[in-house]
Amino acid sequence: MVTKSADTANLWIVDNQLRRAAETNGVKILGSPKAWTDLPWTRKYFKKQPKMGYFVWVKAQPSCPFFSCVNIKKEKTQQDLRNLVVIEKGLKVKIGGVCSALSLKLQGQHLAQGKIVIKQGSQVEYEHIHRWGQKDVVISDYKFYLEPDSQLNYTYKSKKSPQKIKLSNKFYLQERAKVKLNIIGDCQNTQFESLDEIYLQGKDSSGISNLRFISRANSQIKATSRMIAEAAGTGHLDCQSLNLDSTARVSLIPEVTVENDQAQITHEASIGRVSEEQLNYLRMRGLTEDEAIDLIASGFLKI
């Protein structure tokens, strides 16, 4: 879904400056500091006054997908964003977002904390892509609040991993709310730490978490996926990694906590490698070994 560029983004941040806030019908966009000042009700979500970041308020059914772009352009830039997205009741919304460095050697730091509130009966499809440079450091911490009968399909993709990345995604589901989470990482020369937690707080809520990682040379991956069933809900955790190099280290940890005896939660995890049978099959059809491995890895990352 994320195919646009910054030139067509509704929201565009470069380093620590809000460059564009192009509102459309039904969607209000502000910098987080201005939202704190102009809309006092947002303070219960921000908790303390933000210095930088964005606020997106989807008040009515938008006519087209919403797209945001956050870039680091200057060397050794430190971003510290506090973001808030609120989607009102009964809407169907598509969101695309890209966070990236505009050069591979900027040594930037990207810190983003955010809350996404999906009100009753709304359906949201959100694809979030990261592309970073070789020396960047990224810390992303998001909380998602799903009101009754709301739905979220959230896909995070790390297409170019930085030197170090730490992800935290937490989901709080009320009655009959549903979330499907996909985390996809292609890692090389990076420390990748991921934590996702889905809290089934309301009756008949449900969650699915799919993790897919490619571990290439000198990658260190630690991914913990948790499902906490406080109510009678259903859920599944699926954690998988494909190891392509002997220098890679991977740890996948699915955790299930059931506090209601009517809940049904399952999990699975696997760490594998490319088989010689697969490689030989593709070589026989004219592919080089590197081309064959890339094709297998590409297929593995599709969910």
C-alpha atoms as a PDB file:
ATOM      1  CA  MET A   1       0.000   0.000   0.000  1.00  0.00           C
ATOM      2  CA  VAL A   2       2.847   2.439   0.744  1.00  0.00           C
ATOM      3  CA  THR A   3       3.875   3.534  -2.743  1.00  0.00           C
ATOM      4  CA  LYS A   4       3.759   7.336  -2.496  1.00  0.00           C
ATOM      5  CA  SER A   5       6.649   9.735  -1.962  1.00  0.00           C
ATOM      6  CA  ALA A   6       7.109  12.646   0.437  1.00  0.00           C
ATOM      7  CA  ASP A   7       5.950  14.979  -2.339  1.00  0.00           C
ATOM      8  CA  THR A   8       2.434  13.593  -2.066  1.00  0.00           C
ATOM      9  CA  ALA A   9       2.324  12.895   1.685  1.00  0.00           C
ATOM     10  CA  ASN A  10      -0.479  14.362   3.782  1.00  0.00           C
ATOM     11  CA  LEU A  11       2.014  14.663   6.627  1.00  0.00           C
ATOM     12  CA  TRP A  12       5.756  15.245   6.163  1.00  0.00           C
ATOM     13  CA  ILE A  13       8.381  15.711   8.869  1.00  0.00           C
ATOM     14  CA  VAL A  14      12.065  16.308   8.075  1.00  0.00           C
ATOM     15  CA  ASP A  15      14.513  16.117  10.991  1.00  0.00           C
ATOM     16  CA  ASN A  16      12.587  18.082  13.647  1.00  0.00           C
ATOM     17  CA  GLN A  17      10.467  20.262  11.390  1.00  0.00           C
ATOM     18  CA  LEU A  18       6.889  19.724  10.259  1.00  0.00           C
ATOM     19  CA  ARG A  19       7.125  20.487   6.529  1.00  0.00           C
ATOM     20  CA  ARG A  20       3.595  19.640   5.447  1.00  0.00           C
ATOM     21  CA  ALA A  21       0.207  19.112   7.077  1.00  0.00           C
ATOM     22  CA  ALA A  22      -2.164  18.763   4.128  1.00  0.00           C
ATOM     23  CA  GLU A  23      -5.617  18.246   5.583  1.00  0.00           C
ATOM     24  CA  THR A  24      -8.328  16.490   3.586  1.00  0.00           C
ATOM     25  CA  ASN A  25     -12.063  16.148   4.097  1.00  0.00           C
ATOM     26  CA  GLY A  26     -12.683  14.632   7.498  1.00  0.00           C
ATOM     27  CA  VAL A  27      -9.013  14.654   8.582  1.00  0.00           C
ATOM     28  CA  LYS A  28      -7.355  17.269  10.796  1.00  0.00           C
ATOM     29  CA  ILE A  29      -3.545  17.398  11.084  1.00  0.00           C
ATOM     30  CA  LEU A  30      -1.515  19.404  13.587  1.00  0.00           C
ATOM     31  CA  GLY A  31       1.909  19.334  15.131  1.00  0.00           C
ATOM     32  CA  SER A  32       1.657  17.707  18.563  1.00  0.00           C
ATOM     33  CA  PRO A  33       2.583  20.919  20.463  1.00  0.00           C
ATOM     34  CA  LYS A  34      -0.227  22.817  18.710  1.00  0.00           C
ATOM     35  CA  ALA A  35      -2.718  20.010  19.361  1.00  0.00           C
ATOM     36  CA  TRP A  36      -1.827  20.195  23.062  1.00  0.00           C
ATOM     37  CA  THR A  37      -2.495  23.965  23.032  1.00  0.00           C
ATOM     38  CA  ASP A  38      -5.558  24.131  20.762  1.00  0.00           C
ATOM     39  CA  LEU A  39      -7.342  20.891  21.711  1.00  0.00           C
ATOM     40  CA  PRO A  40      -7.209  20.387  25.500  1.00  0.00           C
ATOM     41  CA  TRP A  41      -8.920  16.973  25.244  1.00  0.00           C
ATOM     42  CA  THR A  42      -5.758  15.542  23.629  1.00  0.00           C
ATOM     43  CA  ARG A  43      -3.822  16.056  26.866  1.00  0.00           C
ATOM     44  CA  LYS A  44      -5.236  12.893  28.427  1.00  0.00           C
ATOM     45  CA  TYR A  45      -3.442  10.960  25.678  1.00  0.00           C
ATOM     46  CA  PHE A  46      -0.193  12.932  25.548  1.00  0.00           C
ATOM     47  CA  LYS A  47       0.095  13.023  29.394  1.00  0.00           C
ATOM     48  CA  LYS A  48       2.756  15.740  29.193  1.00  0.00           C
ATOM     49  CA  GLN A  49       3.314  18.574  26.758  1.00  0.00           C
ATOM     50  CA  PRO A  50       5.076  17.315  23.607  1.00  0.00           C
ATOM     51  CA  LYS A  51       7.931  19.219  21.970  1.00  0.00           C
ATOM     52  CA  MET A  52       7.690  17.543  18.584  1.00  0.00           C
ATOM     53  CA  GLY A  53       5.524  15.078  16.709  1.00  0.00           C
ATOM     54  CA  TYR A  54       2.206  14.947  14.916  1.00  0.00           C
ATOM     55  CA  PHE A  55      -1.510  14.717  15.688  1.00  0.00           C
ATOM     56  CA  VAL A  56      -3.979  13.198  13.202  1.00  0.00           C
ATOM     57  CA  TRP A  57      -7.710  13.296  13.890  1.00  0.00           C
ATOM     58  CA  VAL A  58      -9.950  11.374  11.487  1.00  0.00           C
ATOM     59  CA  LYS A  59     -13.350  12.884  12.222  1.00  0.00           C
ATOM     60  CA  ALA A  60     -15.365  11.691   9.219  1.00  0.00           C
ATOM     61  CA  GLN A  61     -15.038   9.117   6.460  1.00  0.00           C
ATOM     62  CA  PRO A  62     -12.005  10.100   4.330  1.00  0.00           C
ATOM     63  CA  SER A  63     -12.243   9.799   0.574  1.00  0.00           C
ATOM     64  CA  CYS A  64      -8.723   8.412   0.125  1.00  0.00           C
ATOM     65  CA  PRO A  65      -5.912   6.746   2.116  1.00  0.00           C
ATOM     66  CA  PHE A  66      -3.816   8.850   4.481  1.00  0.00           C
ATOM     67  CA  PHE A  67      -0.037   8.883   3.990  1.00  0.00           C
ATOM     68  CA  SER A  68       2.700  10.141   6.313  1.00  0.00           C
ATOM     69  CA  CYS A  69       6.448  10.496   5.785  1.00  0.00           C
ATOM     70  CA  VAL A  70       9.086  11.070   8.495  1.00  0.00           C
ATOM     71  CA  ASN A  71      12.683  11.610   7.336  1.00  0.00           C
ATOM     72  CA  ILE A  72      16.109  12.215   8.789  1.00  0.00           C
ATOM     73  CA  LYS A  73      18.172  14.359   6.415  1.00  0.00           C
ATOM     74  CA  LYS A  74      20.979  15.972   8.443  1.00  0.00           C
ATOM     75  CA  GLU A  75      23.892  14.108   9.974  1.00  0.00           C
ATOM     76  CA  LYS A  76      23.519  13.117  13.653  1.00  0.00           C
ATOM     77  CA  THR A  77      19.962  14.408  13.895  1.00  0.00           C
ATOM     78  CA  GLN A  78      18.078  13.330  17.012  1.00  0.00           C
ATOM     79  CA  GLN A  79      14.327  13.029  16.577  1.00  0.00           C
ATOM     80  CA  ASP A  80      12.072  12.735  19.633  1.00  0.00           C
ATOM     81  CA  LEU A  81       8.487  12.497  18.396  1.00  0.00           C
ATOM     82  CA  ARG A  82       5.265  12.230  20.411  1.00  0.00           C
ATOM     83  CA  ASN A  83       2.475  11.214  18.048  1.00  0.00           C
ATOM     84  CA  LEU A  84      -1.267  10.769  18.430  1.00  0.00           C
ATOM     85  CA  VAL A  85      -3.825   9.390  15.962  1.00  0.00           C
ATOM     86  CA  VAL A  86      -7.541   9.369  16.846  1.00  0.00           C
ATOM     87  CA  ILE A  87     -10.091   7.697  14.555  1.00  0.00           C
ATOM     88  CA  GLU A  88     -13.730   8.388  15.333  1.00  0.00           C
ATOM     89  CA  LYS A  89     -16.591   5.867  15.335  1.00  0.00           C
ATOM     90  CA  GLY A  90     -17.727   3.771  12.405  1.00  0.00           C
ATOM     91  CA  LEU A  91     -15.066   4.707   9.846  1.00  0.00           C
ATOM     92  CA  LYS A  92     -13.026   2.693   7.354  1.00  0.00           C
ATOM     93  CA  VAL A  93      -9.511   4.109   7.129  1.00  0.00           C
ATOM     94  CA  LYS A  94      -6.315   3.176   5.283  1.00  0.00           C
ATOM     95  CA  ILE A  95      -3.040   4.583   6.573  1.00  0.00           C
ATOM     96  CA  GLY A  96       0.435   4.329   5.039  1.00  0.00           C
ATOM     97  CA  GLY A  97       3.579   5.565   6.704  1.00  0.00           C
ATOM     98  CA  VAL A  98       7.309   5.644   5.919  1.00  0.00           C
ATOM     99  CA  CYS A  99      10.090   6.509   8.385  1.00  0.00           C
ATOM    100  CA  SER A 100      13.531   6.682   6.813  1.00  0.00           C
ATOM    101  CA  ALA A 101      16.986   8.195   6.556  1.00  0.00           C
ATOM    102  CA  LEU A 102      17.682   9.999   3.292  1.00  0.00           C
ATOM    103  CA  SER A 103      21.302   8.825   3.322  1.00  0.00           C
ATOM    104  CA  LEU A 104      22.901   5.621   4.575  1.00  0.00           C
ATOM    105  CA  LYS A 105      25.584   7.258   6.771  1.00  0.00           C
ATOM    106  CA  LEU A 106      23.830   9.978   8.772  1.00  0.00           C
ATOM    107  CA  GLN A 107      24.225   8.357  12.214  1.00  0.00           C
ATOM    108  CA  GLY A 108      20.792   9.652  13.194  1.00  0.00           C
ATOM    109  CA  GLN A 109      18.572   8.754  16.133  1.00  0.00           C
ATOM    110  CA  HIS A 110      14.848   8.270  15.659  1.00  0.00           C
ATOM    111  CA  LEU A 111      12.752   8.062  18.823  1.00  0.00           C
ATOM    112  CA  ALA A 112       8.990   7.848  18.327  1.00  0.00           C
ATOM    113  CA  GLN A 113       6.333   7.306  20.970  1.00  0.00           C
ATOM    114  CA  GLY A 114       2.743   7.214  19.880  1.00  0.00           C
ATOM    115  CA  LYS A 115      -0.841   6.315  20.665  1.00  0.00           C
ATOM    116  CA  ILE A 116      -3.468   5.241  18.163  1.00  0.00           C
ATOM    117  CA  VAL A 117      -7.084   5.298  19.330  1.00  0.00           C
ATOM    118  CA  ILE A 118      -9.629   3.424  17.198  1.00  0.00           C
ATOM    119  CA  LYS A 119     -13.152   4.160  18.337  1.00  0.00           C
ATOM    120  CA  GLN A 120     -16.165   1.881  18.290  1.00  0.00           C
ATOM    121  CA  GLY A 121     -16.879   0.038  15.068  1.00  0.00           C
ATOM    122  CA  SER A 122     -14.059   1.549  13.007  1.00  0.00           C
ATOM    123  CA  GLN A 123     -11.871  -0.536  10.703  1.00  0.00           C
ATOM    124  CA  VAL A 124      -8.254   0.468  10.103  1.00  0.00           C
ATOM    125  CA  GLU A 125      -5.618  -0.902   7.742  1.00  0.00           C
ATOM    126  CA  TYR A 126      -2.172   0.467   8.560  1.00  0.00           C
ATOM    127  CA  GLU A 127       1.123  -0.313   6.798  1.00  0.00           C
ATOM    128  CA  HIS A 128       4.268   1.151   8.356  1.00  0.00           C
ATOM    129  CA  ILE A 129       7.644   0.875   6.603  1.00  0.00           C
ATOM    130  CA  HIS A 130      11.106   1.651   7.985  1.00  0.00           C
ATOM    131  CA  ARG A 131      14.224   2.271   5.866  1.00  0.00           C
ATOM    132  CA  TRP A 132      17.331   3.332   7.779  1.00  0.00           C
ATOM    133  CA  GLY A 133      21.044   3.852   7.304  1.00  0.00           C
ATOM    134  CA  GLN A 134      23.874   1.666   8.494  1.00  0.00           C
ATOM    135  CA  LYS A 135      24.687   3.702  11.636  1.00  0.00           C
ATOM    136  CA  ASP A 136      21.220   4.856  12.704  1.00  0.00           C
ATOM    137  CA  VAL A 137      19.539   4.009  16.012  1.00  0.00           C
ATOM    138  CA  VAL A 138      15.768   3.597  16.164  1.00  0.00           C
ATOM    139  CA  ILE A 139      13.428   3.266  19.158  1.00  0.00           C
ATOM    140  CA  SER A 140       9.717   2.972  18.407  1.00  0.00           C
ATOM    141  CA  ASP A 141       7.109   2.629  21.170  1.00  0.00           C
ATOM    142  CA  TYR A 142       3.412   2.555  20.215  1.00  0.00           C
ATOM    143  CA  LYS A 143       0.182   1.787  22.040  1.00  0.00           C
ATOM    144  CA  PHE A 144      -3.058   0.931  20.235  1.00  0.00           C
ATOM    145  CA  TYR A 145      -6.465   1.242  21.907  1.00  0.00           C
ATOM    146  CA  LEU A 146      -9.317  -0.617  20.225  1.00  0.00           C
ATOM    147  CA  GLU A 147     -12.845   0.162  21.375  1.00  0.00           C
ATOM    148  CA  PRO A 148     -15.727  -2.378  21.051  1.00  0.00           C
ATOM    149  CA  ASP A 149     -16.282  -3.858  17.567  1.00  0.00           C
ATOM    150  CA  SER A 150     -13.259  -2.081  16.096  1.00  0.00           C
ATOM    151  CA  GLN A 151     -10.704  -3.796  13.849  1.00  0.00           C
ATOM    152  CA  LEU A 152      -7.046  -3.180  13.068  1.00  0.00           C
ATOM    153  CA  ASN A 153      -4.792  -4.803  10.486  1.00  0.00           C
ATOM    154  CA  TYR A 154      -1.296  -3.476  11.241  1.00  0.00           C
ATOM    155  CA  THR A 155       1.797  -4.384   9.220  1.00  0.00           C
ATOM    156  CA  TYR A 156       5.280  -3.196  10.136  1.00  0.00           C
ATOM    157  CA  LYS A 157       8.142  -3.786   7.679  1.00  0.00           C
ATOM    158  CA  SER A 158      11.829  -3.109   8.264  1.00  0.00           C
ATOM    159  CA  LYS A 159      13.201  -3.043   4.733  1.00  0.00           C
ATOM    160  CA  LYS A 160      16.614  -1.588   5.588  1.00  0.00           C
ATOM    161  CA  SER A 161      17.539  -2.176   9.201  1.00  0.00           C
ATOM    162  CA  PRO A 162      19.677   0.284  11.160  1.00  0.00           C
ATOM    163  CA  GLN A 163      22.593  -0.469  13.459  1.00  0.00           C
ATOM    164  CA  LYS A 164      20.165  -0.882  16.341  1.00  0.00           C
ATOM    165  CA  ILE A 165      16.394  -0.994  16.475  1.00  0.00           C
ATOM    166  CA  LYS A 166      14.043  -1.511  19.396  1.00  0.00           C
ATOM    167  CA  LEU A 167      10.319  -1.920  18.759  1.00  0.00           C
ATOM    168  CA  SER A 168       7.481  -2.028  21.244  1.00  0.00           C
ATOM    169  CA  ASN A 169       3.852  -2.430  20.139  1.00  0.00           C
ATOM    170  CA  LYS A 170       1.044  -2.908  22.667  1.00  0.00           C
ATOM    171  CA  PHE A 171      -2.613  -3.472  21.834  1.00  0.00           C
ATOM    172  CA  TYR A 172      -5.554  -3.117  24.214  1.00  0.00           C
ATOM    173  CA  LEU A 173      -8.762  -4.715  22.943  1.00  0.00           C
ATOM    174  CA  GLN A 174     -12.271  -4.139  24.277  1.00  0.00           C
ATOM    175  CA  GLU A 175     -15.351  -6.279  23.530  1.00  0.00           C
ATOM    176  CA  ARG A 176     -15.348  -7.942  20.087  1.00  0.00           C
ATOM    177  CA  ALA A 177     -12.351  -5.911  18.934  1.00  0.00           C
ATOM    178  CA  LYS A 178      -9.943  -7.633  16.544  1.00  0.00           C
ATOM    179  CA  VAL A 179      -6.290  -7.073  15.695  1.00  0.00           C
ATOM    180  CA  LYS A 180      -3.997  -8.730  13.173  1.00  0.00           C
ATOM    181  CA  LEU A 181      -0.342  -7.799  13.619  1.00  0.00           C
ATOM    182  CA  ASN A 182       2.402  -8.546  11.078  1.00  0.00           C
ATOM    183  CA  ILE A 183       6.042  -7.700  11.897  1.00  0.00           C
ATOM    184  CA  ILE A 184       8.482  -8.295   9.045  1.00  0.00           C
ATOM    185  CA  GLY A 185      12.224  -7.704   9.331  1.00  0.00           C
ATOM    186  CA  ASP A 186      15.075  -8.298   6.892  1.00  0.00           C
ATOM    187  CA  CYS A 187      18.159  -7.916   9.088  1.00  0.00           C
ATOM    188  CA  GLN A 188      21.879  -7.603   8.375  1.00  0.00           C
ATOM    189  CA  ASN A 189      24.572  -6.059  10.611  1.00  0.00           C
ATOM    190  CA  THR A 190      21.882  -4.996  13.054  1.00  0.00           C
ATOM    191  CA  GLN A 191      20.637  -5.559  16.582  1.00  0.00           C
ATOM    192  CA  PHE A 192      16.889  -5.982  16.304  1.00  0.00           C
ATOM    193  CA  GLU A 193      14.785  -6.200  19.461  1.00  0.00           C
ATOM    194  CA  SER A 194      11.016  -6.494  19.202  1.00  0.00           C
ATOM    195  CA  LEU A 195       8.265  -6.777  21.812  1.00  0.00           C
ATOM    196  CA  ASP A 196       4.589  -7.038  20.974  1.00  0.00           C
ATOM    197  CA  GLU A 197       1.827  -7.507  23.526  1.00  0.00           C
ATOM    198  CA  ILE A 198      -1.863  -8.067  22.830  1.00  0.00           C
ATOM    199  CA  TYR A 199      -4.242  -7.649  25.773  1.00  0.00           C
ATOM    200  CA  LEU A 200      -7.638  -9.299  25.285  1.00  0.00           C
ATOM    201  CA  GLN A 201      -9.522  -7.180  27.792  1.00  0.00           C
ATOM    202  CA  GLY A 202     -13.059  -7.534  26.435  1.00  0.00           C
ATOM    203  CA  LYS A 203     -15.247 -10.575  25.843  1.00  0.00           C
ATOM    204  CA  ASP A 204     -14.955 -12.091  22.362  1.00  0.00           C
ATOM    205  CA  SER A 205     -11.919  -9.977  21.484  1.00  0.00           C
ATOM    206  CA  SER A 206      -9.343 -11.672  19.270  1.00  0.00           C
ATOM    207  CA  GLY A 207      -5.740 -11.194  18.220  1.00  0.00           C
ATOM    208  CA  ILE A 208      -3.264 -12.688  15.764  1.00  0.00           C
ATOM    209  CA  SER A 209       0.462 -11.902  15.794  1.00  0.00           C
ATOM    210  CA  ASN A 210       2.685 -12.976  12.886  1.00  0.00           C
ATOM    211  CA  LEU A 211       6.452 -12.431  13.087  1.00  0.00           C
ATOM    212  CA  ARG A 212       8.760 -13.080  10.120  1.00  0.00           C
ATOM    213  CA  PHE A 213      12.493 -12.386  10.217  1.00  0.00           C
ATOM    214  CA  ILE A 214      15.362 -12.944   7.799  1.00  0.00           C
ATOM    215  CA  SER A 215      18.663 -13.123   9.716  1.00  0.00           C
ATOM    216  CA  ARG A 216      21.643 -12.315   7.520  1.00  0.00           C
ATOM    217  CA  ALA A 217      25.321 -11.704   8.395  1.00  0.00           C
ATOM    218  CA  ASN A 218      26.042 -10.297  11.866  1.00  0.00           C
ATOM    219  CA  SER A 219      22.388  -9.835  12.759  1.00  0.00           C
ATOM    220  CA  GLN A 220      21.154 -10.323  16.317  1.00  0.00           C
ATOM    221  CA  ILE A 221      17.399 -10.724  16.648  1.00  0.00           C
ATOM    222  CA  LYS A 222      15.401 -11.042  19.834  1.00  0.00           C
ATOM    223  CA  ALA A 223      11.636 -11.035  19.382  1.00  0.00           C
ATOM    224  CA  THR A 224       9.109 -11.567  22.155  1.00  0.00           C
ATOM    225  CA  SER A 225       5.433 -11.965  21.287  1.00  0.00           C
ATOM    226  CA  ARG A 226       2.900 -12.001  24.129  1.00  0.00           C
ATOM    227  CA  MET A 227      -0.828 -12.652  24.324  1.00  0.00           C
ATOM    228  CA  ILE A 228      -2.577 -11.846  27.612  1.00  0.00           C
ATOM    229  CA  ALA A 229      -6.157 -13.102  27.805  1.00  0.00           C
ATOM    230  CA  GLU A 230      -7.912 -11.201  30.580  1.00  0.00           C
ATOM    231  CA  ALA A 231     -11.336 -12.032  29.098  1.00  0.00           C
ATOM    232  CA  ALA A 232     -12.915 -14.865  27.102  1.00  0.00           C
ATOM    233  CA  GLY A 233     -11.183 -14.164  23.799  1.00  0.00           C
ATOM    234  CA  THR A 234      -9.173 -16.014  21.164  1.00  0.00           C
ATOM    235  CA  GLY A 235      -5.648 -15.535  19.907  1.00  0.00           C
ATOM    236  CA  HIS A 236      -2.668 -17.014  18.091  1.00  0.00           C
ATOM    237  CA  LEU A 237       1.062 -16.227  18.040  1.00  0.00           C
ATOM    238  CA  ASP A 238       3.189 -17.301  15.053  1.00  0.00           C
ATOM    239  CA  CYS A 239       6.936 -16.514  15.240  1.00  0.00           C
ATOM    240  CA  GLN A 240       9.269 -17.609  12.419  1.00  0.00           C
ATOM    241  CA  SER A 241      12.797 -16.789  11.304  1.00  0.00           C
ATOM    242  CA  LEU A 242      14.951 -17.898   8.375  1.00  0.00           C
ATOM    243  CA  ASN A 243      18.680 -17.956   9.152  1.00  0.00           C
ATOM    244  CA  LEU A 244      20.944 -17.209   6.179  1.00  0.00           C
ATOM    245  CA  ASP A 245      24.347 -16.861   7.854  1.00  0.00           C
ATOM    246  CA  SER A 246      26.348 -18.628  10.550  1.00  0.00           C
ATOM    247  CA  THR A 247      27.143 -15.297  12.236  1.00  0.00           C
ATOM    248  CA  ALA A 248      23.448 -14.528  12.841  1.00  0.00           C
ATOM    249  CA  ARG A 249      21.798 -15.087  16.226  1.00  0.00           C
ATOM    250  CA  VAL A 250      18.040 -15.364  16.661  1.00  0.00           C
ATOM    251  CA  SER A 251      15.778 -15.722  19.694  1.00  0.00           C
ATOM    252  CA  LEU A 252      11.996 -16.022  19.224  1.00  0.00           C
ATOM    253  CA  ILE A 253       9.884 -16.090  22.377  1.00  0.00           C
ATOM    254  CA  PRO A 254       6.107 -16.617  22.217  1.00  0.00           C
ATOM    255  CA  GLU A 255       4.449 -16.102  25.620  1.00  0.00           C
ATOM    256  CA  VAL A 256       0.848 -16.836  26.553  1.00  0.00           C
ATOM    257  CA  THR A 257      -0.919 -15.755  29.743  1.00  0.00           C
ATOM    258  CA  VAL A 258      -4.505 -16.919  30.265  1.00  0.00           C
ATOM    259  CA  GLU A 259      -6.440 -15.303  33.105  1.00  0.00           C
ATOM    260  CA  ASN A 260      -9.893 -16.406  31.913  1.00  0.00           C
ATOM    261  CA  ASP A 261     -10.696 -20.107  31.610  1.00  0.00           C
ATOM    262  CA  GLN A 262     -12.916 -19.451  28.560  1.00  0.00           C
ATOM    263  CA  ALA A 263     -10.067 -18.027  26.488  1.00  0.00           C
ATOM    264  CA  GLN A 264      -8.470 -20.029  23.665  1.00  0.00           C
ATOM    265  CA  ILE A 265      -4.879 -19.078  22.866  1.00  0.00           C
ATOM    266  CA  THR A 266      -2.329 -20.963  20.737  1.00  0.00           C
ATOM    267  CA  HIS A 267       1.260 -20.333  19.673  1.00  0.00           C
ATOM    268  CA  GLU A 268       4.082 -21.657  17.499  1.00  0.00           C
ATOM    269  CA  ALA A 269       7.691 -20.715  16.763  1.00  0.00           C
ATOM    270  CA  SER A 270      10.356 -21.926  14.345  1.00  0.00           C
ATOM    271  CA  ILE A 271      13.881 -20.977  13.258  1.00  0.00           C
ATOM    272  CA  GLY A 272      15.090 -22.618  10.061  1.00  0.00           C
ATOM    273  CA  ARG A 273      17.478 -22.307   7.152  1.00  0.00           C
ATOM    274  CA  VAL A 274      17.344 -22.611   3.383  1.00  0.00           C
ATOM    275  CA  SER A 275      17.436 -26.261   2.380  1.00  0.00           C
ATOM    276  CA  GLU A 276      19.801 -27.655  -0.219  1.00  0.00           C
ATOM    277  CA  GLU A 277      16.792 -29.161  -1.972  1.00  0.00           C
ATOM    278  CA  GLN A 278      15.268 -25.709  -2.470  1.00  0.00           C
ATOM    279  CA  LEU A 279      18.555 -24.254  -3.708  1.00  0.00           C
ATOM    280  CA  ASN A 280      19.204 -27.106  -6.124  1.00  0.00           C
ATOM    281  CA  TYR A 281      15.684 -26.847  -7.541  1.00  0.00           C
ATOM    282  CA  LEU A 282      16.106 -23.138  -8.325  1.00  0.00           C
ATOM    283  CA  ARG A 283      19.668 -23.582  -9.670  1.00  0.00           C
ATOM    284  CA  MET A 284      18.372 -26.140 -12.138  1.00  0.00           C
ATOM    285  CA  ARG A 285      16.112 -23.422 -13.478  1.00  0.00           C
ATOM    286  CA  GLY A 286      18.982 -21.035 -14.162  1.00  0.00           C
ATOM    287  CA  LEU A 287      19.220 -18.976 -10.966  1.00  0.00           C
ATOM    288  CA  THR A 288      22.505 -18.281  -9.224  1.00  0.00           C
ATOM    289  CA  GLU A 289      22.794 -19.234  -5.542  1.00  0.00           C
ATOM    290  CA  ASP A 290      22.376 -15.605  -4.443  1.00  0.00           C
ATOM    291  CA  GLU A 291      19.344 -15.147  -6.685  1.00  0.00           C
ATOM    292  CA  ALA A 292      17.816 -18.347  -5.340  1.00  0.00           C
ATOM    293  CA  ILE A 293      18.342 -17.309  -1.724  1.00  0.00           C
ATOM    294  CA  ASP A 294      16.828 -13.879  -2.352  1.00  0.00           C
ATOM    295  CA  LEU A 295      13.791 -15.461  -4.001  1.00  0.00           C
ATOM    296  CA  ILE A 296      13.285 -17.869  -1.098  1.00  0.00           C
ATOM    297  CA  ALA A 297      13.702 -15.047   1.436  1.00  0.00           C
ATOM    298  CA  SER A 298      11.213 -12.859  -0.428  1.00  0.00           C
ATOM    299  CA  GLY A 299       8.628 -15.606  -0.370  1.00  0.00           C
ATOM    300  CA  PHE A 300       9.225 -16.302   3.302  1.00  0.00           C
ATOM    301  CA  LEU A 301       8.507 -12.679   4.255  1.00  0.00           C
ATOM    302  CA  LYS A 302       5.108 -12.617   2.558  1.00  0.00           C
ATOM    303  CA  ILE A 303       2.249 -13.090   5.013  1.00  0.00           C
END
